[in-house]
């Protein structure tokens, strides 16, 4: 068969309803990793759905114990056809966030795939069961077209704890580097730039959460008796935050600002337009870094956001000066940011502004990643995606949000390509989560073409990648 014939075969498979049936079974499994009473369901997803599907393609299964969260397991499916062939590493997570059953719209259930027009509703339809199901289906099309072969080696890693920040993922990648070794990484998560435009992104912004707190005294005191005599931690913390990020959302800590946006990245982003939509919030044009477009602010810059702020008793305010105040802030950042020293940078900035009483505690963080957009693998993927879809593909240097891409890019040292099969208004992590059938169908065709090409000319593609990497490092 040819590439075009295999892509048509993929579309016919989707139109037959078989993909929908498979996804419906997977949605029905209540694999909520944030709940302690779903351990059996998490195991069932791997054992009853993923394992048999991968074994049918000739993959060998290797369960990997989670060293940090034993009840949130990993499963590696491996198919080695020839040691001389390129090896692809894929990834997906079968866990989902809370179902929140009671708050879904009437007629919808998080555990039943429901079709309405172009939408398939169900928890995990967009994040991430639907997306990795598309990629498994693409492997199935290649397997059938090539008579039981893929034309490349493949490893597919599944985790069941991504929605609780992927505990253990980095450690298993460090501890099992040979087992997980590969030449290229391709996976699907997150949204497209827009519903009607296929998207390729090369990494993700990093994120680090920090708690700022002031403990002035052990108890609250009457505001009439002590107002003007006792410092107010709420007022002080509000001023501390204001010296970190101003009233227009602009980061004021120079040490945490990113490098200037490069000409190459700026050129890529000039083809992307972030606009308000009827299904999402309206963009505040005057918010964020001055002199940048909304697209540059989202994909090429750093932002400091206040996630929570607590002082006194918000539910029942008392006539009292609170004894303490606390806030959790988050820095979203691009590559080149000195985020690992965020505590020292915040400490120095706060001290400079007379805020020595503010305590700084780093809660958790993950690095930013970005494959060089000039890498030949990027040109290949863009061309294949455009040829298959007939649409100009949106290229994002990195996702605006965060993914555990650093374990694949940094620990395993792989070039990473992400092809999302969702869109911004999918309801991810909210009620009425859904996948668009049109995106799933197009995504299946795109992934089938990418995987076909990998089997046809994977050696050439990787040779050009290595040549470019060596030239760039000189």
Protein backbone atom coordinates (compact mmCIF):
# COMPACT_ATOMS: atom_id res chain seq x y z
CA UNK A 1 0.00 0.00 0.00
CA UNK A 2 0.98 3.61 -0.45
CA UNK A 3 0.91 6.39 2.12
CA UNK A 4 -2.21 7.85 0.53
CA UNK A 5 -4.01 4.51 0.56
CA UNK A 6 -3.14 3.94 4.20
CA UNK A 7 -4.41 7.39 5.17
CA UNK A 8 -7.69 6.66 3.33
CA UNK A 9 -7.87 3.34 5.17
CA UNK A 10 -7.51 5.20 8.46
CA UNK A 11 -10.40 7.51 7.57
CA UNK A 12 -12.56 4.52 6.61
CA UNK A 13 -11.76 2.85 9.93
CA UNK A 14 -12.82 5.97 11.79
CA UNK A 15 -16.03 6.29 9.75
CA UNK A 16 -16.93 2.66 10.48
CA UNK A 17 -17.63 3.54 14.11
CA UNK A 18 -14.98 1.19 15.50
CA UNK A 19 -12.89 4.01 16.95
CA UNK A 20 -15.94 5.43 18.71
CA UNK A 21 -16.73 2.03 20.21
CA UNK A 22 -13.18 1.66 21.53
CA UNK A 23 -13.15 5.14 23.02
CA UNK A 24 -16.55 4.56 24.65
CA UNK A 25 -15.18 1.51 26.50
CA UNK A 26 -12.19 3.48 27.71
CA UNK A 27 -14.27 6.46 28.83
CA UNK A 28 -16.46 4.09 30.89
CA UNK A 29 -13.50 3.15 33.10
CA UNK A 30 -13.47 5.59 36.03
CA UNK A 31 -9.73 6.05 36.23
CA UNK A 32 -9.65 9.12 38.51
CA UNK A 33 -6.11 9.31 39.86
CA UNK A 34 -7.04 12.05 42.35
CA UNK A 35 -9.25 9.60 44.28
CA UNK A 36 -7.93 6.93 46.62
CA UNK A 37 -10.79 4.51 45.85
CA UNK A 38 -10.06 4.11 42.12
CA UNK A 39 -6.97 1.87 42.29
CA UNK A 40 -8.76 -1.08 40.67
CA UNK A 41 -10.06 1.10 37.85
CA UNK A 42 -6.59 2.45 37.13
CA UNK A 43 -5.26 -1.10 36.88
CA UNK A 44 -8.25 -2.18 34.80
CA UNK A 45 -7.58 0.50 32.21
CA UNK A 46 -4.10 -0.88 31.59
CA UNK A 47 -5.00 -4.56 31.87
CA UNK A 48 -8.30 -4.65 29.96
CA UNK A 49 -7.89 -1.85 27.42
CA UNK A 50 -4.31 -0.88 26.74
CA UNK A 51 -2.57 -4.21 27.24
CA UNK A 52 -4.71 -6.27 24.82
CA UNK A 53 -4.68 -3.49 22.18
CA UNK A 54 -0.89 -3.34 22.19
CA UNK A 55 -0.41 -7.12 22.30
CA UNK A 56 -2.60 -7.43 19.21
CA UNK A 57 0.06 -5.37 17.40
CA UNK A 58 2.88 -7.62 18.59
CA UNK A 59 4.05 -5.45 21.47
CA UNK A 60 5.54 -6.99 24.59
CA UNK A 61 4.24 -5.59 27.87
CA UNK A 62 6.47 -4.54 30.77
CA UNK A 63 4.73 -3.27 33.92
CA UNK A 64 6.92 -0.72 35.73
CA UNK A 65 6.34 -0.14 39.42
CA UNK A 66 5.96 3.47 40.44
CA UNK A 67 8.71 4.20 43.01
CA UNK A 68 6.86 7.25 44.38
CA UNK A 69 3.19 6.31 44.06
CA UNK A 70 2.86 2.50 44.00
CA UNK A 71 -0.87 2.59 43.21
CA UNK A 72 -0.34 4.73 40.11
CA UNK A 73 1.48 2.26 37.84
CA UNK A 74 3.27 2.55 34.51
CA UNK A 75 3.08 0.19 31.55
CA UNK A 76 5.64 0.02 28.75
CA UNK A 77 4.65 -1.66 25.48
CA UNK A 78 7.64 -2.52 23.25
CA UNK A 79 7.90 -3.78 19.67
CA UNK A 80 11.44 -4.22 18.32
CA UNK A 81 11.37 -5.31 14.68
CA UNK A 82 15.04 -4.78 13.84
CA UNK A 83 17.80 -3.24 15.94
CA UNK A 84 18.96 -1.26 12.90
CA UNK A 85 15.62 0.54 12.55
CA UNK A 86 14.77 3.85 14.23
CA UNK A 87 12.95 3.60 17.56
CA UNK A 88 9.94 5.77 18.32
CA UNK A 89 8.86 6.53 21.87
CA UNK A 90 5.18 7.41 22.36
CA UNK A 91 3.41 8.42 25.55
CA UNK A 92 -0.09 8.71 26.96
CA UNK A 93 -1.83 8.84 30.31
CA UNK A 94 -4.94 6.84 31.13
CA UNK A 95 -5.83 8.64 34.35
CA UNK A 96 -8.34 11.49 34.44
CA UNK A 97 -9.31 14.26 36.86
CA UNK A 98 -12.38 14.02 39.11
CA UNK A 99 -15.49 13.09 37.16
CA UNK A 100 -17.59 15.73 38.98
CA UNK A 101 -20.66 13.72 37.97
CA UNK A 102 -23.28 15.92 39.62
CA UNK A 103 -22.35 19.07 37.73
CA UNK A 104 -22.40 17.83 34.14
CA UNK A 105 -25.18 19.18 31.95
CA UNK A 106 -28.45 17.24 32.01
CA UNK A 107 -28.25 14.25 29.71
CA UNK A 108 -24.47 13.93 30.00
CA UNK A 109 -22.33 11.65 32.16
CA UNK A 110 -18.55 11.76 32.51
CA UNK A 111 -18.50 7.96 32.14
CA UNK A 112 -20.63 7.57 29.03
CA UNK A 113 -19.50 8.69 25.59
CA UNK A 114 -22.36 10.86 24.31
CA UNK A 115 -22.50 12.20 20.77
CA UNK A 116 -23.99 15.61 20.00
CA UNK A 117 -23.21 16.96 16.56
CA UNK A 118 -19.44 17.11 16.19
CA UNK A 119 -18.86 16.52 19.90
CA UNK A 120 -18.13 13.37 21.86
CA UNK A 121 -18.68 14.09 25.55
CA UNK A 122 -16.98 12.11 28.32
CA UNK A 123 -14.24 12.43 30.93
CA UNK A 124 -10.92 11.78 29.25
CA UNK A 125 -12.26 12.25 25.73
CA UNK A 126 -9.84 15.16 25.31
CA UNK A 127 -7.42 14.54 28.17
CA UNK A 128 -5.96 12.05 27.41
CA UNK A 129 -7.80 8.84 26.50
CA UNK A 130 -9.09 10.20 23.22
CA UNK A 131 -5.70 11.51 22.19
CA UNK A 132 -3.62 8.40 22.85
CA UNK A 133 -6.42 6.25 21.40
CA UNK A 134 -5.99 8.16 18.12
CA UNK A 135 -2.28 7.33 18.16
CA UNK A 136 -2.83 3.65 18.95
CA UNK A 137 -5.34 3.52 16.10
CA UNK A 138 -2.73 5.03 13.77
CA UNK A 139 -0.29 2.27 14.75
CA UNK A 140 -3.04 -0.24 13.96
CA UNK A 141 -3.45 1.20 10.47
CA UNK A 142 0.28 0.95 9.75
CA UNK A 143 0.39 -2.58 11.18
CA UNK A 144 -2.45 -3.69 8.89
CA UNK A 145 -1.10 -1.90 5.81
CA UNK A 146 2.37 -3.43 6.19
CA UNK A 147 1.15 -6.95 6.89
CA UNK A 148 2.01 -7.11 10.59
CA UNK A 149 4.99 -4.76 10.59
CA UNK A 150 5.44 -1.10 11.45
CA UNK A 151 8.69 -0.47 9.61
CA UNK A 152 10.24 0.99 12.78
CA UNK A 153 10.69 0.00 16.40
CA UNK A 154 8.22 1.43 18.85
CA UNK A 155 7.93 1.89 22.61
CA UNK A 156 4.73 3.26 24.12
CA UNK A 157 4.79 4.40 27.75
CA UNK A 158 1.50 4.73 29.63
CA UNK A 159 1.18 6.33 33.04
CA UNK A 160 -1.72 6.54 35.47
CA UNK A 161 -0.74 9.56 37.56
CA UNK A 162 -0.33 12.50 35.19
CA UNK A 163 -3.26 14.36 36.75
CA UNK A 164 -1.49 14.29 40.12
CA UNK A 165 1.72 15.77 38.64
CA UNK A 166 3.25 12.51 37.34
CA UNK A 167 4.88 11.21 40.53
CA UNK A 168 7.64 8.74 39.68
CA UNK A 169 7.80 9.54 35.96
CA UNK A 170 11.15 11.33 36.10
CA UNK A 171 12.63 8.65 38.35
CA UNK A 172 11.63 5.72 36.13
CA UNK A 173 13.08 7.55 33.14
CA UNK A 174 16.35 7.97 35.05
CA UNK A 175 16.33 4.40 36.40
CA UNK A 176 15.30 2.71 33.14
CA UNK A 177 17.07 4.76 30.49
CA UNK A 178 18.09 1.71 28.46
CA UNK A 179 14.60 0.23 28.61
CA UNK A 180 13.12 3.53 27.42
CA UNK A 181 15.87 4.46 24.98
CA UNK A 182 14.68 5.69 21.59
CA UNK A 183 15.58 8.02 18.72
CA UNK A 184 12.53 10.26 18.51
CA UNK A 185 9.50 11.10 20.66
CA UNK A 186 6.02 11.78 19.25
CA UNK A 187 2.94 12.10 21.44
CA UNK A 188 -0.35 13.95 21.81
CA UNK A 189 -1.70 16.04 24.67
CA UNK A 190 -2.93 19.56 25.22
CA UNK A 191 -4.96 21.57 22.69
CA UNK A 192 -4.41 22.68 19.15
CA UNK A 193 -3.96 26.39 18.64
CA UNK A 194 -7.51 26.43 17.25
CA UNK A 195 -10.08 23.82 16.33
CA UNK A 196 -9.68 24.23 12.59
CA UNK A 197 -5.88 24.30 12.41
CA UNK A 198 -3.62 21.26 12.96
CA UNK A 199 -0.85 22.12 15.38
CA UNK A 200 2.68 20.97 16.12
CA UNK A 201 4.36 22.10 19.32
CA UNK A 202 7.94 21.39 20.30
CA UNK A 203 7.89 21.55 24.09
CA UNK A 204 6.16 23.40 26.87
CA UNK A 205 6.58 26.35 29.18
CA UNK A 206 7.81 25.42 32.62
CA UNK A 207 5.91 26.14 35.81
CA UNK A 208 6.99 26.69 39.39
CA UNK A 209 4.66 27.33 42.33
CA UNK A 210 5.78 29.43 45.30
CA UNK A 211 4.07 30.16 48.61
CA UNK A 212 4.50 33.67 50.04
CA UNK A 213 3.46 34.14 53.65
CA UNK A 214 3.62 36.54 56.56
CA UNK A 215 3.18 35.32 60.13
CA UNK A 216 2.94 38.47 62.22
CA UNK A 217 1.36 37.04 65.38
CA UNK A 218 -0.46 33.96 66.65
CA UNK A 219 -3.94 35.47 66.76
CA UNK A 220 -6.16 38.18 65.31
CA UNK A 221 -6.79 41.43 67.21
CA UNK A 222 -9.78 43.80 67.27
CA UNK A 223 -9.39 46.36 64.48
CA UNK A 224 -10.99 49.16 66.54
CA UNK A 225 -8.70 48.68 69.52
CA UNK A 226 -5.51 47.97 67.58
CA UNK A 227 -5.98 49.45 64.09
CA UNK A 228 -3.07 51.71 63.18
CA UNK A 229 -0.91 50.13 65.87
CA UNK A 230 -0.45 46.59 64.53
CA UNK A 231 0.87 45.71 61.09
CA UNK A 232 -1.69 44.03 58.83
CA UNK A 233 -0.20 40.95 57.11
CA UNK A 234 -2.93 41.06 54.44
CA UNK A 235 -2.03 44.62 53.49
CA UNK A 236 1.68 43.85 53.59
CA UNK A 237 1.35 40.74 51.43
CA UNK A 238 -0.77 42.60 48.89
CA UNK A 239 1.99 45.18 48.60
CA UNK A 240 4.64 42.47 48.35
CA UNK A 241 2.83 40.85 45.43
CA UNK A 242 2.41 44.27 43.80
CA UNK A 243 6.16 44.74 43.82
CA UNK A 244 6.61 41.39 42.04
CA UNK A 245 3.96 41.89 39.35
CA UNK A 246 2.38 45.26 38.63
CA UNK A 247 -1.23 46.32 38.06
CA UNK A 248 -0.95 45.41 34.36
CA UNK A 249 0.33 41.90 34.98
CA UNK A 250 3.94 42.72 34.07
CA UNK A 251 6.68 40.78 35.87
CA UNK A 252 8.91 43.16 37.86
CA UNK A 253 11.65 40.75 39.00
CA UNK A 254 14.35 41.28 36.39
CA UNK A 255 16.17 38.05 37.29
CA UNK A 256 13.04 36.03 36.40
CA UNK A 257 12.36 37.68 33.07
CA UNK A 258 13.21 35.54 30.02
CA UNK A 259 15.81 36.25 27.36
CA UNK A 260 14.64 38.44 24.49
CA UNK A 261 12.48 36.57 22.01
CA UNK A 262 14.78 35.39 19.20
CA UNK A 263 14.18 36.39 15.60
CA UNK A 264 13.49 32.74 14.70
CA UNK A 265 10.84 32.32 17.40
CA UNK A 266 9.33 35.73 16.67
CA UNK A 267 9.00 34.78 12.99
CA UNK A 268 7.22 31.55 13.89
CA UNK A 269 4.85 33.30 16.27
CA UNK A 270 3.99 35.95 13.67
CA UNK A 271 1.98 33.25 11.90
CA UNK A 272 -0.11 32.56 15.01
CA UNK A 273 -2.94 34.78 16.18
CA UNK A 274 -4.41 34.40 19.66
CA UNK A 275 -7.93 35.80 19.62
CA UNK A 276 -10.98 35.74 21.85
CA UNK A 277 -13.68 33.22 20.99
CA UNK A 278 -17.35 32.83 21.78
CA UNK A 279 -16.58 29.71 23.85
CA UNK A 280 -13.71 31.18 25.86
CA UNK A 281 -12.92 34.31 27.87
CA UNK A 282 -12.28 37.67 26.24
CA UNK A 283 -8.61 38.63 26.07
CA UNK A 284 -7.62 41.72 28.10
CA UNK A 285 -5.62 43.64 25.50
CA UNK A 286 -3.97 45.91 28.08
CA UNK A 287 -2.79 43.03 30.29
CA UNK A 288 0.69 41.56 30.20
CA UNK A 289 4.13 42.55 28.95
CA UNK A 290 4.16 45.82 27.01
CA UNK A 291 5.39 45.77 23.43
CA UNK A 292 4.48 42.13 22.80
CA UNK A 293 1.60 40.66 20.84
CA UNK A 294 -0.85 38.39 22.71
CA UNK A 295 0.77 35.43 20.95
CA UNK A 296 4.25 36.45 22.10
CA UNK A 297 3.03 36.95 25.66
CA UNK A 298 1.49 33.46 25.71
CA UNK A 299 4.18 31.42 23.99
CA UNK A 300 7.37 33.46 24.26
CA UNK A 301 7.32 35.21 27.63
CA UNK A 302 7.06 34.64 31.39
CA UNK A 303 4.08 35.42 33.59
CA UNK A 304 3.63 35.51 37.35
CA UNK A 305 0.08 34.66 38.44
CA UNK A 306 -1.58 34.78 41.86
CA UNK A 307 -3.39 31.45 42.26
CA UNK A 308 -4.73 32.04 45.76
CA UNK A 309 -4.64 34.68 48.50
CA UNK A 310 -5.88 34.09 52.03
CA UNK A 311 -5.98 36.36 55.06
CA UNK A 312 -8.54 36.54 57.86
CA UNK A 313 -11.77 34.61 57.34
CA UNK A 314 -13.19 35.34 53.85
CA UNK A 315 -16.38 33.36 54.54
CA UNK A 316 -17.15 35.29 57.74
CA UNK A 317 -15.06 38.49 57.93
CA UNK A 318 -14.45 39.66 61.49
CA UNK A 319 -13.63 43.16 62.76
CA UNK A 320 -10.09 42.06 63.40
CA UNK A 321 -6.58 42.55 62.08
CA UNK A 322 -5.49 39.11 60.85
CA UNK A 323 -2.40 37.58 62.34
CA UNK A 324 -1.20 36.04 59.10
CA UNK A 325 -1.57 36.03 55.33
CA UNK A 326 -0.53 33.59 52.63
CA UNK A 327 -0.61 33.42 48.86
CA UNK A 328 0.39 30.86 46.25
CA UNK A 329 1.90 32.31 43.09
CA UNK A 330 2.97 30.57 39.89
CA UNK A 331 5.66 31.49 37.40
CA UNK A 332 5.08 30.18 33.87
CA UNK A 333 8.34 30.48 31.97
CA UNK A 334 10.13 29.72 28.72
CA UNK A 335 13.56 28.20 28.16
CA UNK A 336 16.47 30.33 29.31
CA UNK A 337 14.84 31.40 32.60
CA UNK A 338 16.80 30.95 35.82
CA UNK A 339 13.79 29.37 37.53
CA UNK A 340 15.73 26.97 39.73
CA UNK A 341 16.97 29.95 41.76
CA UNK A 342 13.53 31.53 42.05
CA UNK A 343 13.63 31.55 45.87
CA UNK A 344 16.85 33.58 45.93
CA UNK A 345 15.61 35.95 43.25
CA UNK A 346 12.31 36.59 45.04
CA UNK A 347 14.10 36.98 48.37
CA UNK A 348 16.49 39.56 46.95
CA UNK A 349 13.72 41.51 45.24
CA UNK A 350 11.46 41.54 48.31
CA UNK A 351 14.34 42.58 50.59
CA UNK A 352 15.21 45.41 48.20
CA UNK A 353 11.64 46.69 48.56
CA UNK A 354 11.60 46.45 52.36
CA UNK A 355 9.61 43.22 52.50
CA UNK A 356 11.94 41.09 54.63
CA UNK A 357 8.98 39.78 56.65
CA UNK A 358 7.64 37.83 53.66
CA UNK A 359 8.61 34.15 53.78
CA UNK A 360 9.28 32.40 50.45
CA UNK A 361 8.72 28.66 49.99
CA UNK A 362 9.10 26.85 46.67
CA UNK A 363 6.39 24.18 46.40
CA UNK A 364 7.13 22.41 43.11
CA UNK A 365 8.38 23.12 39.62
CA UNK A 366 9.12 21.65 36.22
CA UNK A 367 11.51 22.87 33.52
CA UNK A 368 10.66 24.51 30.22
CA UNK A 369 11.52 22.59 27.04
CA UNK A 370 11.75 23.45 23.37
CA UNK A 371 13.11 21.52 20.39
CA UNK A 372 15.01 23.86 18.08
CA UNK A 373 12.37 24.91 15.51
CA UNK A 374 15.07 24.86 12.80
CA UNK A 375 15.62 21.11 13.28
CA UNK A 376 14.91 19.14 10.07
CA UNK A 377 12.46 16.92 11.97
CA UNK A 378 10.24 19.97 12.40
CA UNK A 379 10.16 20.66 8.67
CA UNK A 380 9.33 17.02 7.99
CA UNK A 381 6.45 16.91 10.45
CA UNK A 382 5.01 20.23 9.23
CA UNK A 383 5.12 19.12 5.60
CA UNK A 384 3.51 15.74 6.32
CA UNK A 385 0.76 17.30 8.43
CA UNK A 386 -0.02 19.95 5.81
CA UNK A 387 -0.02 17.44 2.96
CA UNK A 388 -2.41 15.17 4.83
CA UNK A 389 -4.84 17.79 6.11
CA UNK A 390 -4.62 20.27 3.26
CA UNK A 391 -4.26 22.99 5.90
CA UNK A 392 -1.35 25.14 6.98
CA UNK A 393 -0.12 23.70 10.26
CA UNK A 394 0.36 25.99 13.25
CA UNK A 395 3.86 25.66 14.69
CA UNK A 396 4.29 26.56 18.36
CA UNK A 397 7.82 26.65 19.82
CA UNK A 398 6.22 25.51 23.07
CA UNK A 399 2.80 25.04 24.58
CA UNK A 400 1.60 27.90 26.76
CA UNK A 401 0.86 25.40 29.53
CA UNK A 402 3.06 22.67 30.96
CA UNK A 403 3.55 18.97 30.28
CA UNK A 404 6.07 16.47 31.68
CA UNK A 405 8.10 16.91 28.49
CA UNK A 406 11.34 17.52 30.37
CA UNK A 407 11.65 13.82 31.21
CA UNK A 408 11.66 12.96 27.50
CA UNK A 409 13.65 15.96 26.25
CA UNK A 410 16.19 16.25 29.08
CA UNK A 411 16.44 12.92 30.91
CA UNK A 412 16.05 10.69 27.83
CA UNK A 413 17.57 13.28 25.49
CA UNK A 414 15.02 12.94 22.70
CA UNK A 415 13.77 15.37 20.05
CA UNK A 416 10.13 15.88 21.01
CA UNK A 417 7.20 16.48 18.66
CA UNK A 418 3.69 16.94 20.04
CA UNK A 419 0.64 16.68 17.76
CA UNK A 420 -2.48 17.53 19.82
CA UNK A 421 -5.94 16.19 18.94
CA UNK A 422 -7.93 18.56 21.14
CA UNK A 423 -8.82 22.26 21.04
CA UNK A 424 -8.93 25.16 23.54
CA UNK A 425 -12.66 24.96 24.38
CA UNK A 426 -12.74 21.19 24.99
CA UNK A 427 -13.70 21.50 28.66
CA UNK A 428 -10.51 19.79 29.80
CA UNK A 429 -10.46 19.47 33.63
CA UNK A 430 -14.02 20.85 33.74
CA UNK A 431 -17.55 19.57 33.35
CA UNK A 432 -18.83 18.62 29.88
CA UNK A 433 -15.37 17.67 28.60
CA UNK A 434 -15.50 16.66 24.95
CA UNK A 435 -13.52 15.74 21.86
CA UNK A 436 -14.42 17.00 18.40
CA UNK A 437 -15.00 14.12 16.00
CA UNK A 438 -13.62 16.18 13.13
CA UNK A 439 -10.33 16.72 14.96
CA UNK A 440 -10.08 13.05 15.98
CA UNK A 441 -10.63 11.94 12.37
CA UNK A 442 -8.13 14.42 10.98
CA UNK A 443 -5.70 13.58 13.78
CA UNK A 444 -5.88 9.89 12.93
CA UNK A 445 -5.06 10.64 9.30
CA UNK A 446 -2.17 12.92 10.28
CA UNK A 447 -0.66 10.42 12.72
CA UNK A 448 -1.03 7.61 10.19
CA UNK A 449 0.92 9.64 7.65
CA UNK A 450 3.65 10.57 10.13
CA UNK A 451 4.09 6.96 11.20
CA UNK A 452 4.05 5.73 7.61
CA UNK A 453 6.82 8.19 6.76
CA UNK A 454 8.82 7.09 9.79
CA UNK A 455 8.76 3.54 8.44
CA UNK A 456 9.70 4.69 4.94
CA UNK A 457 12.49 7.17 5.64
CA UNK A 458 13.09 7.20 9.38
CA UNK A 459 16.81 6.55 9.00
CA UNK A 460 17.21 9.53 6.68
CA UNK A 461 15.19 11.80 8.92
CA UNK A 462 17.21 10.96 11.99
CA UNK A 463 20.51 11.30 10.11
CA UNK A 464 19.55 14.83 9.07
CA UNK A 465 18.55 15.56 12.68
CA UNK A 466 21.93 14.40 14.01
CA UNK A 467 23.82 16.35 11.31
CA UNK A 468 21.94 19.50 12.28
CA UNK A 469 22.54 18.94 16.00
CA UNK A 470 26.26 18.47 15.45
CA UNK A 471 26.46 21.61 13.32
CA UNK A 472 24.52 23.65 15.88
CA UNK A 473 26.83 22.55 18.70
CA UNK A 474 30.02 23.66 16.91
